[in-house]
Amino acid sequence: MTTPLDPVIEKIIPLLPLRDPETMTPQSARDALRALAAARGRRSGRRPVASALDTEVKGAAGRLAARVYRVSDRKSPTVVFFHGGGWVAGDLETHDRQARWLAIETGAVVVSVDYGVRRKPASGAFEDAFAAVRDIFSRIAEFGGDHARVGVAGDSAGGIWRRRSRSPAATPG
């Protein structure tokens, strides 16, 4: 017996960026994921936070775009967030909704980093993410964070790199 799809999920499936892999390009995957994120945002609305400010952090090969989400002006725990998107399609905009929810639900300062998903070689994404965590940790007071309460989170591809990482505080240099 087949269980019927939830009506909400049934409406979302046609919007998913699932296309013919023979004709899909990295740009078409980015466009599809952005369209999906925009459609989700229109349905649920943009969750309010006290502030969402664009900034930059250090990556392994240069500056990376980042966005800092705050729900209060008080010193707070900090979560460094890395978006998903298969190391090709995600960015700050496609994962704005997730970063906002993370800030709202945890009360933490969330620093969402647009790490090098489009860099070659593929290890560039890991190197960028690792460098960004180190930079954010070294400047945590600028973001309203607390050295004693720092976490790293990621969605999909943005969560996989963490398995190889070390604590930025324990890493010299």
N, C-alpha and C. Protein backbone atom coordinates (compact mmCIF):
# COMPACT_ATOMS: atom_id res chain seq x y z
N MET A 1 0.83 -1.16 0.00
CA MET A 1 0.00 0.00 0.00
C MET A 1 0.89 1.25 0.00
N THR A 2 0.62 2.16 -0.89
CA THR A 2 1.37 3.40 -1.00
C THR A 2 0.72 4.47 -0.15
N THR A 3 1.53 5.12 0.67
CA THR A 3 1.03 6.21 1.50
C THR A 3 0.94 7.47 0.64
N PRO A 4 -0.18 8.19 0.69
CA PRO A 4 -0.29 9.40 -0.12
C PRO A 4 0.65 10.49 0.39
N LEU A 5 1.07 11.34 -0.53
CA LEU A 5 1.95 12.45 -0.16
C LEU A 5 1.19 13.50 0.64
N ASP A 6 1.90 14.10 1.55
CA ASP A 6 1.35 15.25 2.26
C ASP A 6 1.02 16.31 1.21
N PRO A 7 -0.13 16.99 1.30
CA PRO A 7 -0.52 17.98 0.28
C PRO A 7 0.48 19.11 0.11
N VAL A 8 1.13 19.53 1.18
CA VAL A 8 2.14 20.59 1.07
C VAL A 8 3.34 20.09 0.29
N ILE A 9 3.81 18.89 0.61
CA ILE A 9 4.96 18.31 -0.10
C ILE A 9 4.62 18.10 -1.57
N GLU A 10 3.41 17.68 -1.85
CA GLU A 10 3.00 17.46 -3.24
C GLU A 10 3.13 18.74 -4.07
N LYS A 11 2.87 19.89 -3.45
CA LYS A 11 3.00 21.17 -4.16
C LYS A 11 4.45 21.59 -4.33
N ILE A 12 5.31 21.15 -3.42
CA ILE A 12 6.72 21.55 -3.47
C ILE A 12 7.51 20.74 -4.48
N ILE A 13 7.19 19.48 -4.64
CA ILE A 13 7.97 18.59 -5.51
C ILE A 13 8.20 19.16 -6.91
N PRO A 14 7.19 19.72 -7.58
CA PRO A 14 7.47 20.27 -8.91
C PRO A 14 8.45 21.45 -8.89
N LEU A 15 8.64 22.08 -7.74
CA LEU A 15 9.56 23.22 -7.64
C LEU A 15 11.00 22.80 -7.36
N LEU A 16 11.20 21.55 -6.97
CA LEU A 16 12.54 21.10 -6.62
C LEU A 16 13.48 21.16 -7.82
N PRO A 17 14.74 21.48 -7.55
CA PRO A 17 15.69 21.61 -8.66
C PRO A 17 16.18 20.25 -9.18
N LEU A 18 15.24 19.36 -9.40
CA LEU A 18 15.59 18.05 -9.95
C LEU A 18 15.36 18.09 -11.45
N ARG A 19 16.43 18.07 -12.18
CA ARG A 19 16.33 18.17 -13.62
C ARG A 19 17.12 17.03 -14.25
N ASP A 20 17.04 16.94 -15.54
CA ASP A 20 17.77 15.91 -16.27
C ASP A 20 19.28 16.15 -16.09
N PRO A 21 20.01 15.22 -15.49
CA PRO A 21 21.44 15.42 -15.27
C PRO A 21 22.23 15.54 -16.56
N GLU A 22 21.65 15.09 -17.66
CA GLU A 22 22.34 15.22 -18.95
C GLU A 22 22.35 16.65 -19.45
N THR A 23 21.36 17.44 -19.04
CA THR A 23 21.29 18.82 -19.53
C THR A 23 21.51 19.86 -18.45
N MET A 24 21.53 19.44 -17.19
CA MET A 24 21.72 20.39 -16.09
C MET A 24 23.14 20.96 -16.10
N THR A 25 23.24 22.24 -15.86
CA THR A 25 24.53 22.90 -15.72
C THR A 25 24.63 23.45 -14.31
N PRO A 26 25.83 23.80 -13.86
CA PRO A 26 25.92 24.43 -12.54
C PRO A 26 25.05 25.68 -12.43
N GLN A 27 25.02 26.48 -13.48
CA GLN A 27 24.21 27.70 -13.43
C GLN A 27 22.71 27.38 -13.37
N SER A 28 22.27 26.37 -14.12
CA SER A 28 20.84 26.04 -14.07
C SER A 28 20.47 25.48 -12.69
N ALA A 29 21.40 24.76 -12.04
CA ALA A 29 21.16 24.27 -10.68
C ALA A 29 21.04 25.44 -9.71
N ARG A 30 21.93 26.45 -9.85
CA ARG A 30 21.86 27.64 -8.99
C ARG A 30 20.54 28.36 -9.19
N ASP A 31 20.15 28.54 -10.47
CA ASP A 31 18.90 29.24 -10.77
C ASP A 31 17.70 28.50 -10.17
N ALA A 32 17.70 27.18 -10.29
CA ALA A 32 16.58 26.39 -9.77
C ALA A 32 16.52 26.46 -8.23
N LEU A 33 17.68 26.39 -7.57
CA LEU A 33 17.68 26.46 -6.12
C LEU A 33 17.26 27.85 -5.63
N ARG A 34 17.69 28.89 -6.32
CA ARG A 34 17.26 30.25 -5.96
C ARG A 34 15.74 30.40 -6.15
N ALA A 35 15.21 29.84 -7.23
CA ALA A 35 13.76 29.91 -7.47
C ALA A 35 13.00 29.17 -6.37
N LEU A 36 13.50 28.02 -5.97
CA LEU A 36 12.87 27.26 -4.89
C LEU A 36 12.90 28.05 -3.59
N ALA A 37 14.06 28.63 -3.26
CA ALA A 37 14.17 29.41 -2.03
C ALA A 37 13.23 30.62 -2.06
N ALA A 38 13.14 31.27 -3.19
CA ALA A 38 12.24 32.44 -3.31
C ALA A 38 10.78 32.01 -3.14
N ALA A 39 10.41 30.88 -3.73
CA ALA A 39 9.03 30.39 -3.60
C ALA A 39 8.72 30.03 -2.15
N ARG A 40 9.66 29.41 -1.47
CA ARG A 40 9.46 29.06 -0.06
C ARG A 40 9.32 30.33 0.77
N GLY A 41 10.12 31.34 0.46
CA GLY A 41 10.06 32.60 1.19
C GLY A 41 8.73 33.32 0.99
N ARG A 42 8.20 33.26 -0.22
CA ARG A 42 6.91 33.90 -0.49
C ARG A 42 5.79 33.22 0.29
N ARG A 43 5.86 31.89 0.41
CA ARG A 43 4.82 31.15 1.11
C ARG A 43 4.87 31.37 2.62
N SER A 44 6.07 31.37 3.18
CA SER A 44 6.17 31.43 4.64
C SER A 44 6.52 32.82 5.15
N GLY A 45 6.91 33.72 4.27
CA GLY A 45 7.31 35.05 4.71
C GLY A 45 8.72 35.05 5.24
N ARG A 46 9.31 36.21 5.28
CA ARG A 46 10.68 36.35 5.78
C ARG A 46 10.61 36.57 7.29
N ARG A 47 11.17 35.64 8.04
CA ARG A 47 11.13 35.71 9.51
C ARG A 47 11.91 36.92 9.99
N PRO A 48 11.30 37.71 10.89
CA PRO A 48 11.99 38.91 11.38
C PRO A 48 13.09 38.59 12.40
N VAL A 49 14.22 39.22 12.23
CA VAL A 49 15.30 39.19 13.22
C VAL A 49 15.62 40.65 13.54
N ALA A 50 16.32 40.89 14.62
CA ALA A 50 16.66 42.27 14.99
C ALA A 50 17.55 42.91 13.93
N SER A 51 18.48 42.11 13.37
CA SER A 51 19.33 42.62 12.30
C SER A 51 19.86 41.47 11.46
N ALA A 52 20.09 41.77 10.20
CA ALA A 52 20.74 40.85 9.26
C ALA A 52 21.66 41.71 8.42
N LEU A 53 22.94 41.69 8.77
CA LEU A 53 23.90 42.59 8.14
C LEU A 53 24.92 41.84 7.31
N ASP A 54 25.15 42.31 6.10
CA ASP A 54 26.16 41.71 5.23
C ASP A 54 27.54 42.18 5.66
N THR A 55 28.50 41.26 5.59
CA THR A 55 29.88 41.54 5.97
C THR A 55 30.79 40.64 5.15
N GLU A 56 32.05 40.58 5.52
CA GLU A 56 33.00 39.66 4.90
C GLU A 56 33.82 39.00 5.99
N VAL A 57 34.28 37.79 5.69
CA VAL A 57 35.20 37.07 6.56
C VAL A 57 36.33 36.55 5.69
N LYS A 58 37.42 36.16 6.35
CA LYS A 58 38.57 35.64 5.60
C LYS A 58 38.32 34.20 5.19
N GLY A 59 38.56 33.93 3.91
CA GLY A 59 38.58 32.57 3.42
C GLY A 59 40.01 32.17 3.15
N ALA A 60 40.23 30.98 2.66
CA ALA A 60 41.58 30.51 2.39
C ALA A 60 42.22 31.28 1.23
N ALA A 61 41.42 31.72 0.28
CA ALA A 61 41.96 32.37 -0.92
C ALA A 61 41.46 33.81 -1.06
N GLY A 62 41.02 34.41 0.02
CA GLY A 62 40.53 35.78 -0.05
C GLY A 62 39.29 35.98 0.79
N ARG A 63 38.66 37.12 0.61
CA ARG A 63 37.47 37.48 1.39
C ARG A 63 36.25 36.69 0.91
N LEU A 64 35.37 36.36 1.87
CA LEU A 64 34.13 35.65 1.57
C LEU A 64 32.96 36.50 2.06
N ALA A 65 31.90 36.52 1.30
CA ALA A 65 30.68 37.19 1.74
C ALA A 65 30.10 36.42 2.92
N ALA A 66 29.52 37.16 3.85
CA ALA A 66 28.87 36.55 5.01
C ALA A 66 27.71 37.45 5.42
N ARG A 67 26.81 36.90 6.20
CA ARG A 67 25.68 37.67 6.74
C ARG A 67 25.53 37.31 8.21
N VAL A 68 25.41 38.34 9.04
CA VAL A 68 25.29 38.16 10.48
C VAL A 68 23.86 38.43 10.90
N TYR A 69 23.23 37.42 11.49
CA TYR A 69 21.84 37.50 11.98
C TYR A 69 21.86 37.62 13.49
N ARG A 70 21.13 38.61 14.01
CA ARG A 70 21.04 38.81 15.46
C ARG A 70 19.59 38.95 15.85
N VAL A 71 19.25 38.38 17.01
CA VAL A 71 17.90 38.55 17.54
C VAL A 71 17.89 39.50 18.73
N SER A 72 19.08 39.88 19.22
CA SER A 72 19.18 40.86 20.30
C SER A 72 20.54 41.53 20.22
N ASP A 73 20.71 42.57 21.01
CA ASP A 73 22.00 43.27 21.07
C ASP A 73 22.91 42.73 22.16
N ARG A 74 22.43 41.74 22.92
CA ARG A 74 23.22 41.17 24.01
C ARG A 74 24.30 40.23 23.48
N LYS A 75 25.37 40.09 24.25
CA LYS A 75 26.40 39.10 23.94
C LYS A 75 25.73 37.73 23.93
N SER A 76 25.93 36.98 22.87
CA SER A 76 25.18 35.73 22.67
C SER A 76 26.09 34.62 22.20
N PRO A 77 25.63 33.37 22.31
CA PRO A 77 26.36 32.28 21.66
C PRO A 77 26.45 32.58 20.17
N THR A 78 27.41 31.97 19.51
CA THR A 78 27.60 32.20 18.07
C THR A 78 27.56 30.88 17.33
N VAL A 79 26.85 30.87 16.22
CA VAL A 79 26.83 29.71 15.34
C VAL A 79 27.34 30.15 13.97
N VAL A 80 28.39 29.49 13.50
CA VAL A 80 28.88 29.71 12.15
C VAL A 80 28.13 28.72 11.27
N PHE A 81 27.41 29.23 10.27
CA PHE A 81 26.54 28.40 9.45
C PHE A 81 27.04 28.35 8.01
N PHE A 82 27.08 27.13 7.45
CA PHE A 82 27.48 26.93 6.06
C PHE A 82 26.31 26.33 5.29
N HIS A 83 25.92 27.01 4.24
CA HIS A 83 24.77 26.60 3.42
C HIS A 83 25.03 25.31 2.66
N GLY A 84 23.95 24.68 2.26
CA GLY A 84 24.03 23.51 1.40
C GLY A 84 23.99 23.93 -0.06
N GLY A 85 23.77 22.96 -0.92
CA GLY A 85 23.66 23.23 -2.35
C GLY A 85 24.60 22.40 -3.20
N GLY A 86 25.04 21.27 -2.66
CA GLY A 86 25.85 20.34 -3.46
C GLY A 86 27.19 20.90 -3.91
N TRP A 87 27.74 21.85 -3.15
CA TRP A 87 29.00 22.51 -3.49
C TRP A 87 28.93 23.25 -4.83
N VAL A 88 27.72 23.50 -5.30
CA VAL A 88 27.56 24.17 -6.59
C VAL A 88 26.51 25.27 -6.52
N ALA A 89 25.37 24.98 -5.92
CA ALA A 89 24.19 25.83 -6.11
C ALA A 89 23.85 26.77 -4.96
N GLY A 90 24.24 26.48 -3.75
CA GLY A 90 23.81 27.27 -2.61
C GLY A 90 24.57 28.57 -2.43
N ASP A 91 23.95 29.51 -1.70
CA ASP A 91 24.59 30.77 -1.36
C ASP A 91 23.85 31.41 -0.20
N LEU A 92 24.20 32.63 0.14
CA LEU A 92 23.55 33.30 1.27
C LEU A 92 22.06 33.47 1.06
N GLU A 93 21.64 33.74 -0.16
CA GLU A 93 20.21 33.96 -0.44
C GLU A 93 19.41 32.67 -0.39
N THR A 94 19.95 31.59 -0.93
CA THR A 94 19.18 30.34 -0.94
C THR A 94 18.97 29.80 0.47
N HIS A 95 19.83 30.18 1.40
CA HIS A 95 19.74 29.66 2.77
C HIS A 95 19.48 30.75 3.81
N ASP A 96 18.99 31.89 3.34
CA ASP A 96 18.63 32.98 4.25
C ASP A 96 17.57 32.51 5.25
N ARG A 97 16.58 31.81 4.78
CA ARG A 97 15.48 31.33 5.64
C ARG A 97 16.01 30.43 6.75
N GLN A 98 16.90 29.49 6.42
CA GLN A 98 17.44 28.59 7.43
C GLN A 98 18.28 29.34 8.46
N ALA A 99 19.07 30.30 8.00
CA ALA A 99 19.92 31.07 8.93
C ALA A 99 19.05 31.91 9.87
N ARG A 100 17.99 32.51 9.34
CA ARG A 100 17.08 33.28 10.20
C ARG A 100 16.44 32.39 11.26
N TRP A 101 15.94 31.23 10.83
CA TRP A 101 15.32 30.31 11.79
C TRP A 101 16.31 29.87 12.86
N LEU A 102 17.54 29.61 12.45
CA LEU A 102 18.55 29.18 13.41
C LEU A 102 18.78 30.27 14.46
N ALA A 103 18.86 31.52 14.03
CA ALA A 103 19.03 32.63 14.98
C ALA A 103 17.81 32.75 15.90
N ILE A 104 16.63 32.68 15.33
CA ILE A 104 15.40 32.84 16.12
C ILE A 104 15.25 31.70 17.12
N GLU A 105 15.45 30.48 16.68
CA GLU A 105 15.22 29.32 17.54
C GLU A 105 16.28 29.14 18.62
N THR A 106 17.51 29.59 18.36
CA THR A 106 18.58 29.39 19.34
C THR A 106 18.92 30.64 20.13
N GLY A 107 18.55 31.81 19.62
CA GLY A 107 18.94 33.07 20.26
C GLY A 107 20.39 33.42 20.01
N ALA A 108 21.06 32.64 19.18
CA ALA A 108 22.48 32.85 18.90
C ALA A 108 22.67 33.90 17.80
N VAL A 109 23.87 34.47 17.79
CA VAL A 109 24.33 35.23 16.63
C VAL A 109 24.65 34.16 15.59
N VAL A 110 24.10 34.29 14.39
CA VAL A 110 24.39 33.33 13.33
C VAL A 110 25.18 34.06 12.26
N VAL A 111 26.38 33.54 11.97
CA VAL A 111 27.20 34.09 10.91
C VAL A 111 27.14 33.08 9.77
N SER A 112 26.38 33.43 8.74
CA SER A 112 26.21 32.57 7.57
C SER A 112 27.29 32.93 6.56
N VAL A 113 28.07 31.94 6.15
CA VAL A 113 29.23 32.17 5.30
C VAL A 113 28.99 31.61 3.90
N ASP A 114 29.25 32.43 2.90
CA ASP A 114 29.16 31.99 1.50
C ASP A 114 30.53 31.46 1.10
N TYR A 115 30.84 30.26 1.56
CA TYR A 115 32.15 29.66 1.34
C TYR A 115 32.33 29.25 -0.11
N GLY A 116 33.54 28.86 -0.47
CA GLY A 116 33.94 28.65 -1.86
C GLY A 116 33.38 27.44 -2.56
N VAL A 117 32.05 27.36 -2.68
CA VAL A 117 31.46 26.19 -3.32
C VAL A 117 31.76 26.11 -4.81
N ARG A 118 32.11 27.21 -5.42
CA ARG A 118 32.37 27.20 -6.86
C ARG A 118 33.86 27.20 -7.18
N ARG A 119 34.68 27.02 -6.14
CA ARG A 119 36.13 27.01 -6.35
C ARG A 119 36.60 25.65 -6.80
N LYS A 120 37.70 25.65 -7.51
CA LYS A 120 38.38 24.43 -7.90
C LYS A 120 39.76 24.47 -7.29
N PRO A 121 40.29 23.41 -6.77
CA PRO A 121 39.67 22.10 -6.63
C PRO A 121 38.58 22.10 -5.56
N ALA A 122 37.86 21.00 -5.49
CA ALA A 122 36.74 20.89 -4.55
C ALA A 122 37.18 21.10 -3.11
N SER A 123 38.42 20.79 -2.79
CA SER A 123 38.89 20.99 -1.42
C SER A 123 38.90 22.46 -1.04
N GLY A 124 38.78 23.36 -2.01
CA GLY A 124 38.73 24.79 -1.72
C GLY A 124 37.57 25.16 -0.82
N ALA A 125 36.46 24.46 -0.94
CA ALA A 125 35.31 24.73 -0.07
C ALA A 125 35.67 24.43 1.38
N PHE A 126 36.32 23.31 1.63
CA PHE A 126 36.73 22.97 2.99
C PHE A 126 37.73 24.00 3.51
N GLU A 127 38.72 24.34 2.71
CA GLU A 127 39.74 25.30 3.14
C GLU A 127 39.12 26.66 3.44
N ASP A 128 38.18 27.11 2.60
CA ASP A 128 37.49 28.37 2.86
C ASP A 128 36.69 28.32 4.16
N ALA A 129 35.97 27.24 4.36
CA ALA A 129 35.14 27.10 5.56
C ALA A 129 36.01 27.08 6.81
N PHE A 130 37.09 26.34 6.78
CA PHE A 130 37.97 26.26 7.93
C PHE A 130 38.58 27.63 8.25
N ALA A 131 39.04 28.35 7.22
CA ALA A 131 39.61 29.68 7.42
C ALA A 131 38.55 30.65 7.96
N ALA A 132 37.31 30.53 7.47
CA ALA A 132 36.24 31.41 7.94
C ALA A 132 35.94 31.18 9.42
N VAL A 133 35.91 29.94 9.86
CA VAL A 133 35.67 29.65 11.28
C VAL A 133 36.78 30.27 12.12
N ARG A 134 38.00 30.11 11.69
CA ARG A 134 39.12 30.68 12.44
C ARG A 134 39.01 32.20 12.50
N ASP A 135 38.66 32.84 11.39
CA ASP A 135 38.54 34.30 11.37
C ASP A 135 37.40 34.77 12.27
N ILE A 136 36.25 34.13 12.17
CA ILE A 136 35.10 34.51 12.99
C ILE A 136 35.44 34.33 14.47
N PHE A 137 36.07 33.23 14.81
CA PHE A 137 36.45 32.98 16.21
C PHE A 137 37.40 34.06 16.70
N SER A 138 38.34 34.48 15.86
CA SER A 138 39.31 35.50 16.29
C SER A 138 38.68 36.88 16.45
N ARG A 139 37.54 37.12 15.79
CA ARG A 139 36.87 38.42 15.84
C ARG A 139 35.48 38.33 16.46
N ILE A 140 35.27 37.34 17.29
CA ILE A 140 33.92 37.02 17.75
C ILE A 140 33.22 38.19 18.45
N ALA A 141 33.97 39.03 19.15
CA ALA A 141 33.35 40.17 19.84
C ALA A 141 32.73 41.14 18.83
N GLU A 142 33.31 41.27 17.63
CA GLU A 142 32.75 42.14 16.60
C GLU A 142 31.34 41.72 16.20
N PHE A 143 31.07 40.43 16.31
CA PHE A 143 29.77 39.89 15.92
C PHE A 143 28.79 39.83 17.09
N GLY A 144 29.27 40.18 18.30
CA GLY A 144 28.42 40.10 19.49
C GLY A 144 28.44 38.74 20.13
N GLY A 145 29.45 37.95 19.78
CA GLY A 145 29.51 36.58 20.28
C GLY A 145 30.37 36.42 21.51
N ASP A 146 30.47 35.18 21.95
CA ASP A 146 31.14 34.81 23.18
C ASP A 146 32.08 33.64 22.86
N HIS A 147 33.40 33.80 23.17
CA HIS A 147 34.38 32.74 22.89
C HIS A 147 34.02 31.40 23.53
N ALA A 148 33.32 31.44 24.65
CA ALA A 148 32.99 30.20 25.37
C ALA A 148 31.80 29.47 24.78
N ARG A 149 31.07 30.12 23.86
CA ARG A 149 29.85 29.49 23.32
C ARG A 149 29.82 29.66 21.80
N VAL A 150 30.54 28.77 21.11
CA VAL A 150 30.64 28.82 19.65
C VAL A 150 30.29 27.45 19.09
N GLY A 151 29.48 27.45 18.06
CA GLY A 151 29.13 26.21 17.39
C GLY A 151 29.27 26.38 15.88
N VAL A 152 29.33 25.28 15.19
CA VAL A 152 29.40 25.26 13.74
C VAL A 152 28.27 24.37 13.25
N ALA A 153 27.52 24.87 12.28
CA ALA A 153 26.39 24.11 11.73
C ALA A 153 26.39 24.24 10.22
N GLY A 154 25.77 23.30 9.57
CA GLY A 154 25.67 23.37 8.12
C GLY A 154 24.51 22.56 7.62
N ASP A 155 24.04 22.93 6.46
CA ASP A 155 22.95 22.25 5.80
C ASP A 155 23.53 21.46 4.62
N SER A 156 23.23 20.19 4.54
CA SER A 156 23.63 19.36 3.41
C SER A 156 25.13 19.44 3.19
N ALA A 157 25.58 19.90 2.01
CA ALA A 157 27.01 19.99 1.73
C ALA A 157 27.73 20.87 2.74
N GLY A 158 27.06 21.88 3.26
CA GLY A 158 27.66 22.77 4.24
C GLY A 158 27.89 22.12 5.59
N GLY A 159 27.28 20.97 5.82
CA GLY A 159 27.48 20.26 7.08
C GLY A 159 28.50 19.15 6.98
N ILE A 160 28.86 18.75 5.79
CA ILE A 160 29.74 17.60 5.62
C ILE A 160 31.18 17.94 5.98
N TRP A 161 31.64 19.13 5.65
CA TRP A 161 33.05 19.47 5.89
C TRP A 161 33.42 19.39 7.36
N ARG A 162 32.44 19.59 8.27
CA ARG A 162 32.73 19.62 9.70
C ARG A 162 33.38 18.32 10.18
N ARG A 163 33.12 17.24 9.54
CA ARG A 163 33.68 15.96 9.98
C ARG A 163 35.20 15.96 9.96
N ARG A 164 35.79 16.80 9.11
CA ARG A 164 37.24 16.82 8.97
C ARG A 164 37.88 17.94 9.77
N SER A 165 37.09 18.80 10.39
CA SER A 165 37.66 20.00 11.01
C SER A 165 38.18 19.75 12.40
N ARG A 166 38.97 20.75 12.86
CA ARG A 166 39.48 20.78 14.23
C ARG A 166 38.99 22.09 14.84
N SER A 167 39.07 22.17 16.15
CA SER A 167 38.67 23.40 16.85
C SER A 167 39.59 24.54 16.42
N PRO A 168 39.00 25.69 16.01
CA PRO A 168 39.86 26.80 15.60
C PRO A 168 40.70 27.33 16.76
N ALA A 169 40.22 27.18 17.97
CA ALA A 169 40.98 27.66 19.12
C ALA A 169 42.23 26.82 19.35
N ALA A 170 42.18 25.56 18.96
CA ALA A 170 43.28 24.64 19.21
C ALA A 170 44.28 24.65 18.05
N THR A 171 43.98 25.39 17.01
CA THR A 171 44.84 25.40 15.83
C THR A 171 45.74 26.63 15.85
N PRO A 172 47.03 26.44 15.82
CA PRO A 172 47.92 27.60 15.84
C PRO A 172 47.79 28.43 14.56
N GLY A 173 48.12 29.71 14.72
CA GLY A 173 48.31 30.52 13.58
C GLY A 173 47.39 31.37 12.99
